[in-house]
Amino acid sequence: MKKIFLLFLTMFIVYMVGMVPRYIVKDYKEIELLETKSIKYLPTYENIGVVKKNKSIELLANKDMIITEKLIKNGFVNSGEKIGNVQYELGNENILVSNISDDIDKYKAMQAMLNKDIDINDKKIQDIINTYKISSNIIEKKEDCNEYLTSPISGDIEWSVFGNNIFVPKGATLCKIYNNDYVTVHCNIKEEELPKYKIGMKVNIKSKDGNMCVGYITDIVKAVKNTIKDNSVMPMIEIVIKADGGENLLIGSSVNCVIEDFEEKEILTVPFTAINQDNIGEYVMLYDNGEYRKQYITVGEELGNSTIISSGLCDSDIIVSDISNYNLQDKHIITKIG
């Protein structure tokens, strides 16, 4: 009988011990904790920039001439490539509009004086012919000289003269050629953000069509610009970025610019799930010597699924990793410390 009693007692004790975890699970809420750790981080600043032309070279007419044909009307030209045909007349420069008033079409006047096949009934042209007509040996048409215009550099051409067979006086701009190896990107920033940016910072540039290149800040224009936004005036400052290898960027397009700081920094981050907010401010639940308490924090920039903690936490602090279902009144059992 005694043996039977002892066996029954042993079974009862084993049963009750087996029931303890069930009571713990029922009465305690499982919680995961996280140990905070500093990481090295290179700060970056993202902006939208506009691609602009830079370092243009102007081709000027070295004498009065006619652009008889443009071989390349627009687009990219290589250094030394023929871009157009020009014609000028030897020996006639002294009579080509040297004293003609600015309001007269110089090309028509010149053509009329040379008896070209155009309408010369315009009274102003007739007046010029009568006033400046001189001995036939000077106004006699001399031999035409035809030459090619060639591009001194590679880049995008932009003509200042429209059409073909157009007269261009000496010194006038024929066209501009923009060096694509020196493209700039311009970003507007707020005045209060100015301390973050310094000349020489590296910039990763990406266009909407996927073209990528690297640039560097070459200038910060500190003259404040007034930009209208939301019916208010905002002071803006312009950052100028030299885009190395920017020949594939479309002039005038918008590009994404990620500007890198010079040095890595030690930062502390926590996941978004660890942060909550009340009427005082943002906080995490700090686990300290077996107890939980609110720890108010100052947050900085977002970083992936986490946010940078500017103040309020230190390395190796233990916090609740997911605060969404946390209740300070509950009893908790720790299941994991990450």
Protein backbone atom coordinates (compact mmCIF):
# COMPACT_ATOMS: atom_id res chain seq x y z
CA MET A 1 0.00 0.00 0.00
CA LYS A 2 2.84 2.32 0.88
CA LYS A 3 4.53 1.63 -2.47
CA ILE A 4 1.33 2.39 -4.32
CA PHE A 5 1.01 5.70 -2.48
CA LEU A 6 4.62 6.69 -3.27
CA LEU A 7 4.12 5.84 -6.95
CA PHE A 8 0.96 7.95 -7.06
CA LEU A 9 2.74 10.85 -5.37
CA THR A 10 5.63 10.70 -7.82
CA MET A 11 3.30 10.74 -10.81
CA PHE A 12 1.42 13.73 -9.35
CA ILE A 13 4.64 15.71 -8.86
CA VAL A 14 5.81 14.97 -12.42
CA TYR A 15 2.40 16.05 -13.75
CA MET A 16 2.44 19.30 -11.79
CA VAL A 17 6.01 20.12 -12.91
CA GLY A 18 4.94 19.55 -16.51
CA MET A 19 2.09 22.01 -16.04
CA VAL A 20 4.35 24.90 -14.90
CA PRO A 21 5.42 26.07 -18.41
CA ARG A 22 1.75 26.12 -19.42
CA TYR A 23 0.90 28.45 -16.59
CA ILE A 24 3.92 30.63 -17.42
CA VAL A 25 2.86 30.91 -21.06
CA LYS A 26 -0.67 31.71 -19.99
CA ASP A 27 0.28 34.37 -17.44
CA TYR A 28 3.35 35.85 -19.17
CA LYS A 29 3.66 37.54 -22.58
CA GLU A 30 6.61 36.47 -24.72
CA ILE A 31 8.91 39.35 -25.69
CA GLU A 32 12.01 39.68 -27.88
CA LEU A 33 14.76 42.09 -26.91
CA LEU A 34 17.41 43.78 -29.01
CA GLU A 35 20.91 44.92 -28.02
CA THR A 36 21.80 48.25 -29.65
CA LYS A 37 25.09 48.46 -31.53
CA SER A 38 26.87 51.32 -33.30
CA ILE A 39 27.73 50.95 -36.98
CA LYS A 40 29.93 52.86 -39.41
CA TYR A 41 27.88 54.91 -41.85
CA LEU A 42 28.77 57.17 -44.77
CA PRO A 43 26.17 59.99 -44.83
CA THR A 44 24.60 60.70 -48.21
CA TYR A 45 22.30 63.47 -49.36
CA GLU A 46 19.87 62.88 -52.22
CA ASN A 47 18.85 65.66 -54.60
CA ILE A 48 17.31 66.16 -58.03
CA GLY A 49 19.57 67.98 -60.48
CA VAL A 50 19.26 69.44 -63.98
CA VAL A 51 21.85 68.64 -66.67
CA LYS A 52 23.31 71.72 -68.35
CA LYS A 53 25.79 72.42 -71.14
CA ASN A 54 29.14 73.86 -70.23
CA LYS A 55 32.40 75.08 -71.74
CA SER A 56 31.01 76.03 -75.13
CA ILE A 57 33.29 77.06 -77.96
CA GLU A 58 31.97 79.70 -80.36
CA LEU A 59 32.91 79.59 -84.04
CA LEU A 60 33.05 83.17 -85.36
CA ALA A 61 32.97 84.35 -88.96
CA ASN A 62 36.49 85.53 -89.80
CA LYS A 63 35.07 87.58 -92.69
CA ASP A 64 31.72 88.30 -94.31
CA MET A 65 30.49 84.99 -95.63
CA ILE A 66 27.51 82.90 -96.64
CA ILE A 67 26.64 79.59 -95.00
CA THR A 68 25.78 77.68 -98.15
CA GLU A 69 25.02 74.34 -96.48
CA LYS A 70 25.04 72.86 -93.00
CA LEU A 71 26.40 69.33 -93.13
CA ILE A 72 25.36 68.66 -89.53
CA LYS A 73 22.22 70.49 -88.45
CA ASN A 74 22.14 69.33 -84.84
CA GLY A 75 23.41 66.55 -82.61
CA PHE A 76 26.86 65.28 -81.79
CA VAL A 77 29.99 66.16 -83.79
CA ASN A 78 33.51 64.76 -83.54
CA SER A 79 36.62 66.87 -83.37
CA GLY A 80 37.81 67.70 -86.92
CA GLU A 81 34.49 66.71 -88.51
CA LYS A 82 33.13 68.88 -91.34
CA ILE A 83 30.03 70.72 -90.11
CA GLY A 84 29.22 73.09 -93.02
CA ASN A 85 30.19 74.80 -96.28
CA VAL A 86 30.87 78.53 -96.46
CA GLN A 87 31.37 80.91 -99.37
CA TYR A 88 32.87 84.38 -99.49
CA GLU A 89 33.99 86.66 -102.29
CA LEU A 90 37.58 87.70 -102.63
CA GLY A 91 38.28 91.42 -102.94
CA ASN A 92 34.78 92.65 -102.10
CA GLU A 93 35.02 93.16 -98.36
CA ASN A 94 35.33 96.96 -98.53
CA ILE A 95 31.97 97.40 -100.21
CA LEU A 96 30.05 94.80 -98.20
CA VAL A 97 27.99 96.96 -95.87
CA SER A 98 30.90 98.90 -94.37
CA ASN A 99 28.74 102.02 -94.06
CA ILE A 100 25.26 100.62 -94.41
CA SER A 101 22.84 101.54 -91.65
CA ASP A 102 21.83 98.81 -89.20
CA ASP A 103 18.20 98.76 -90.29
CA ILE A 104 19.07 97.51 -93.81
CA ASP A 105 19.29 93.86 -94.70
CA LYS A 106 23.02 93.63 -95.41
CA TYR A 107 22.78 90.47 -97.39
CA LYS A 108 20.14 91.85 -99.79
CA ALA A 109 22.13 95.03 -100.27
CA MET A 110 25.28 93.15 -101.10
CA GLN A 111 23.48 90.87 -103.52
CA ALA A 112 21.79 93.80 -105.24
CA MET A 113 25.11 95.61 -105.70
CA LEU A 114 26.48 92.51 -107.38
CA ASN A 115 23.45 92.31 -109.72
CA LYS A 116 22.33 88.97 -108.37
CA ASP A 117 18.93 87.64 -109.43
CA ILE A 118 16.80 89.11 -106.62
CA ASP A 119 14.13 91.78 -106.38
CA ILE A 120 15.86 95.14 -106.07
CA ASN A 121 12.75 97.30 -106.11
CA ASP A 122 12.97 97.91 -102.37
CA LYS A 123 13.50 101.68 -101.99
CA LYS A 124 16.06 101.33 -99.24
CA ILE A 125 18.16 98.98 -101.34
CA GLN A 126 17.89 101.33 -104.31
CA ASP A 127 19.07 104.19 -102.11
CA ILE A 128 22.06 102.17 -100.98
CA ILE A 129 22.95 101.19 -104.53
CA ASN A 130 22.77 104.81 -105.65
CA THR A 131 24.75 106.05 -102.67
CA TYR A 132 27.49 103.45 -102.56
CA LYS A 133 27.73 102.33 -106.17
CA ILE A 134 31.32 102.78 -107.21
CA SER A 135 33.53 101.91 -110.16
CA SER A 136 32.73 98.65 -111.90
CA ASN A 137 36.13 97.15 -111.23
CA ILE A 138 35.38 97.09 -107.48
CA ILE A 139 31.78 95.92 -107.51
CA GLU A 140 32.49 93.43 -110.22
CA LYS A 141 31.88 89.95 -108.88
CA LYS A 142 35.15 88.27 -108.04
CA GLU A 143 35.90 84.57 -107.83
CA ASP A 144 33.98 82.73 -105.14
CA CYS A 145 36.00 81.03 -102.42
CA ASN A 146 34.42 77.91 -100.91
CA GLU A 147 35.61 76.37 -97.67
CA TYR A 148 34.56 73.79 -95.12
CA LEU A 149 33.84 74.57 -91.50
CA THR A 150 35.27 71.93 -89.18
CA SER A 151 34.62 71.31 -85.49
CA PRO A 152 37.60 72.06 -83.22
CA ILE A 153 36.23 69.82 -80.43
CA SER A 154 33.81 66.96 -79.91
CA GLY A 155 30.41 67.86 -78.52
CA ASP A 156 26.87 69.01 -79.28
CA ILE A 157 26.48 71.66 -81.97
CA GLU A 158 24.02 74.53 -81.66
CA TRP A 159 23.74 76.80 -84.69
CA SER A 160 23.28 80.56 -84.33
CA VAL A 161 22.48 80.86 -88.04
CA PHE A 162 19.22 79.33 -89.28
CA GLY A 163 18.78 77.89 -92.76
CA ASN A 164 21.20 77.65 -95.70
CA ASN A 165 22.51 80.37 -98.04
CA ILE A 166 22.45 82.88 -95.19
CA PHE A 167 24.80 85.85 -95.04
CA VAL A 168 26.84 86.19 -91.85
CA PRO A 169 28.88 89.36 -91.22
CA LYS A 170 32.43 89.23 -89.97
CA GLY A 171 32.70 88.59 -86.23
CA ALA A 172 29.21 87.11 -85.86
CA THR A 173 28.73 83.75 -84.16
CA LEU A 174 28.21 80.89 -86.58
CA CYS A 175 27.56 78.19 -84.00
CA LYS A 176 28.42 76.96 -80.51
CA ILE A 177 29.82 73.54 -79.74
CA TYR A 178 29.45 72.22 -76.21
CA ASN A 179 32.12 69.95 -74.84
CA ASN A 180 30.30 66.84 -73.62
CA ASP A 181 33.29 65.81 -71.54
CA TYR A 182 32.48 68.69 -69.22
CA VAL A 183 28.78 68.51 -68.46
CA THR A 184 27.48 70.07 -65.27
CA VAL A 185 24.52 69.19 -63.08
CA HIS A 186 22.85 71.88 -60.97
CA CYS A 187 20.94 71.12 -57.74
CA ASN A 188 18.95 73.55 -55.62
CA ILE A 189 19.19 73.11 -51.85
CA LYS A 190 17.65 74.89 -48.91
CA GLU A 191 19.75 77.53 -47.24
CA GLU A 192 19.69 75.74 -43.89
CA GLU A 193 21.17 72.61 -45.52
CA LEU A 194 24.25 74.47 -46.76
CA PRO A 195 26.60 73.30 -43.94
CA LYS A 196 26.24 69.68 -45.13
CA TYR A 197 27.77 70.34 -48.55
CA LYS A 198 31.42 71.00 -49.39
CA ILE A 199 33.36 71.42 -52.63
CA GLY A 200 34.95 68.14 -53.70
CA MET A 201 32.20 65.81 -52.44
CA LYS A 202 31.62 62.78 -54.67
CA VAL A 203 28.23 62.56 -56.44
CA ASN A 204 26.65 59.45 -57.97
CA ILE A 205 24.45 60.61 -60.87
CA LYS A 206 21.70 58.51 -62.45
CA SER A 207 19.36 59.52 -65.25
CA LYS A 208 15.81 58.28 -65.79
CA ASP A 209 16.93 56.15 -68.74
CA GLY A 210 19.50 54.35 -66.58
CA ASN A 211 22.70 56.18 -67.60
CA MET A 212 25.06 56.57 -64.65
CA CYS A 213 28.23 58.56 -64.02
CA VAL A 214 30.25 60.03 -61.17
CA GLY A 215 30.62 63.73 -60.47
CA TYR A 216 32.15 66.08 -57.92
CA ILE A 217 30.89 69.35 -56.44
CA THR A 218 32.90 72.13 -58.07
CA ASP A 219 30.99 75.20 -56.94
CA ILE A 220 28.36 76.28 -54.41
CA VAL A 221 26.55 79.42 -55.50
CA LYS A 222 25.67 81.13 -52.26
CA ALA A 223 23.60 83.87 -53.85
CA VAL A 224 20.14 83.12 -52.50
CA LYS A 225 17.41 82.45 -55.05
CA ASN A 226 13.75 82.94 -54.32
CA THR A 227 11.73 79.91 -55.37
CA ILE A 228 7.95 79.95 -55.16
CA LYS A 229 6.62 76.83 -53.48
CA ASP A 230 3.25 76.35 -51.85
CA ASN A 231 2.58 80.10 -52.20
CA SER A 232 5.64 80.96 -50.14
CA VAL A 233 9.13 82.24 -50.92
CA MET A 234 11.95 79.86 -50.08
CA PRO A 235 15.63 80.89 -50.16
CA MET A 236 17.53 78.40 -52.33
CA ILE A 237 21.22 77.83 -53.03
CA GLU A 238 22.65 76.12 -56.11
CA ILE A 239 25.23 73.32 -56.09
CA VAL A 240 27.24 72.86 -59.31
CA ILE A 241 28.47 69.34 -60.05
CA LYS A 242 31.00 68.42 -62.76
CA ALA A 243 29.80 65.15 -64.31
CA ASP A 244 32.78 63.04 -65.42
CA GLY A 245 31.77 60.96 -68.43
CA GLY A 246 28.48 62.84 -68.68
CA GLU A 247 28.35 62.70 -72.47
CA ASN A 248 25.42 60.25 -72.28
CA LEU A 249 23.31 62.55 -70.11
CA LEU A 250 20.56 64.38 -71.96
CA ILE A 251 20.99 68.16 -71.80
CA GLY A 252 18.10 69.73 -69.88
CA SER A 253 16.96 66.46 -68.29
CA SER A 254 16.46 65.78 -64.59
CA VAL A 255 18.81 63.34 -62.86
CA ASN A 256 19.05 61.80 -59.40
CA CYS A 257 22.13 62.90 -57.44
CA VAL A 258 23.37 61.06 -54.35
CA ILE A 259 26.07 63.19 -52.72
CA GLU A 260 28.51 61.40 -50.39
CA ASP A 261 30.04 62.97 -47.29
CA PHE A 262 33.82 62.85 -46.90
CA GLU A 263 34.04 60.62 -43.80
CA GLU A 264 32.23 57.68 -42.25
CA LYS A 265 30.52 58.31 -38.93
CA GLU A 266 29.63 56.11 -35.96
CA ILE A 267 25.86 55.97 -35.66
CA LEU A 268 23.29 54.09 -33.61
CA THR A 269 20.19 52.76 -35.34
CA VAL A 270 17.08 50.91 -34.21
CA PRO A 271 14.30 49.35 -36.31
CA PHE A 272 11.08 51.28 -36.82
CA THR A 273 9.24 48.53 -34.91
CA ALA A 274 11.08 49.48 -31.70
CA ILE A 275 9.84 53.11 -31.67
CA ASN A 276 6.56 54.48 -30.39
CA GLN A 277 5.30 57.97 -29.62
CA ASP A 278 3.19 59.67 -26.98
CA ASN A 279 2.36 63.29 -26.15
CA ILE A 280 5.88 63.82 -24.79
CA GLY A 281 7.78 62.45 -27.75
CA GLU A 282 9.23 59.34 -29.38
CA TYR A 283 10.48 56.55 -27.14
CA VAL A 284 11.65 52.94 -26.94
CA MET A 285 11.09 50.42 -24.11
CA LEU A 286 14.39 50.01 -22.31
CA TYR A 287 15.08 46.77 -20.38
CA ASP A 288 17.22 47.60 -17.34
CA ASN A 289 18.03 45.20 -14.51
CA GLY A 290 14.93 43.12 -15.06
CA GLU A 291 12.58 46.09 -15.42
CA TYR A 292 11.07 47.92 -18.41
CA ARG A 293 10.78 51.69 -18.72
CA LYS A 294 10.16 54.28 -21.38
CA GLN A 295 13.32 55.82 -22.80
CA TYR A 296 12.70 58.97 -24.80
CA ILE A 297 14.92 59.44 -27.86
CA THR A 298 15.74 61.91 -30.63
CA VAL A 299 15.58 60.38 -34.08
CA GLY A 300 17.53 61.39 -37.18
CA GLU A 301 17.45 60.26 -40.79
CA GLU A 302 15.83 57.04 -41.93
CA LEU A 303 18.18 54.29 -43.04
CA GLY A 304 16.49 51.35 -44.74
CA ASN A 305 14.10 49.76 -42.23
CA SER A 306 15.74 51.62 -39.35
CA THR A 307 16.21 55.14 -38.15
CA ILE A 308 19.30 56.88 -36.78
CA ILE A 309 19.14 57.71 -33.06
CA SER A 310 20.66 61.13 -32.43
CA SER A 311 20.36 60.96 -28.63
CA GLY A 312 18.79 58.91 -25.83
CA LEU A 313 20.48 55.54 -26.34
CA CYS A 314 23.98 54.14 -25.98
CA ASP A 315 25.82 51.08 -27.22
CA SER A 316 24.70 47.81 -25.59
CA ASP A 317 21.39 49.16 -24.32
CA ILE A 318 18.68 46.46 -24.31
CA ILE A 319 15.34 47.47 -25.85
CA VAL A 320 12.11 45.78 -26.92
CA SER A 321 12.51 44.96 -30.61
CA ASP A 322 8.80 45.20 -31.50
CA ILE A 323 6.81 47.64 -29.41
CA SER A 324 3.53 47.40 -31.34
CA ASN A 325 1.95 44.78 -29.03
CA TYR A 326 3.84 45.74 -25.90
CA ASN A 327 1.96 46.70 -22.75
CA LEU A 328 3.84 47.91 -19.71
CA GLN A 329 1.25 46.31 -17.39
CA ASP A 330 1.83 42.82 -18.79
CA LYS A 331 4.18 40.24 -17.34
CA HIS A 332 6.82 39.23 -19.82
CA ILE A 333 9.07 36.30 -20.51
CA ILE A 334 12.17 36.91 -22.63
CA THR A 335 12.40 34.52 -25.55
CA LYS A 336 15.32 36.04 -27.44
CA ILE A 337 17.97 38.76 -27.24
CA GLY A 338 19.19 39.75 -30.71
